[in-house]
């Protein structure tokens, strides 16, 4: 993708835990361990990517 509206950065270990359902990405966002870059409105629009654990 040439120009994404939003990118999310995190440690590989946290990414694996998010995908495995062991960590809540919303909590990682709140603590700064998942860092958004770009159009922050897309964080809230993409809530369906992060269903509650």
Protein backbone atom coordinates (compact mmCIF):
# COMPACT_ATOMS: atom_id res chain seq x y z
CA UNK A 1 0.00 0.00 0.00
CA UNK A 2 1.55 3.26 -1.09
CA UNK A 3 -0.05 5.76 1.28
CA UNK A 4 -1.95 4.15 4.16
CA UNK A 5 -4.32 6.34 6.15
CA UNK A 6 -3.22 4.71 9.38
CA UNK A 7 -0.32 2.55 10.48
CA UNK A 8 0.09 0.88 13.85
CA UNK A 9 3.49 0.18 15.39
CA UNK A 10 4.17 -2.24 18.19
CA UNK A 11 6.73 -4.77 19.33
CA UNK A 12 6.62 -8.12 17.55
CA UNK A 13 5.80 -9.88 20.82
CA UNK A 14 2.79 -7.63 21.42
CA UNK A 15 1.61 -8.17 17.83
CA UNK A 16 1.74 -11.95 18.31
CA UNK A 17 -0.22 -11.61 21.56
CA UNK A 18 -2.86 -9.40 19.87
CA UNK A 19 -3.33 -11.86 17.02
CA UNK A 20 -3.42 -14.75 19.49
CA UNK A 21 -6.10 -13.01 21.58
CA UNK A 22 -3.91 -12.78 24.69
CA UNK A 23 -3.64 -8.96 24.81
CA UNK A 24 -6.25 -6.28 24.32
CA UNK A 25 -5.05 -3.84 21.63
CA UNK A 26 -7.17 -1.07 23.14
CA UNK A 27 -5.21 -1.40 26.37
CA UNK A 28 -1.95 -1.36 24.41
CA UNK A 29 -3.10 1.84 22.68
CA UNK A 30 -3.92 3.41 26.05
CA UNK A 31 -0.51 2.50 27.49
CA UNK A 32 1.46 3.58 24.41
CA UNK A 33 2.63 0.10 23.46
CA UNK A 34 0.56 0.22 20.25
CA UNK A 35 1.34 3.49 18.49
CA UNK A 36 -0.85 4.86 15.70
CA UNK A 37 0.53 7.12 12.99
CA UNK A 38 -1.58 8.93 10.44
CA UNK A 39 -5.28 9.76 10.48
CA UNK A 40 -6.24 8.98 14.08
CA UNK A 41 -9.94 9.01 13.20
CA UNK A 42 -9.30 5.62 11.57
CA UNK A 43 -8.36 4.17 14.97
CA UNK A 44 -11.98 4.59 16.04
CA UNK A 45 -13.36 3.56 12.65
CA UNK A 46 -11.38 0.34 12.78
CA UNK A 47 -12.84 -0.84 16.10
CA UNK A 48 -14.19 -3.96 14.42
CA UNK A 49 -10.57 -5.06 13.91
CA UNK A 50 -10.22 -5.17 17.69
CA UNK A 51 -13.23 -6.94 19.20
CA UNK A 52 -13.35 -7.15 23.02
CA UNK A 53 -11.45 -10.08 24.49
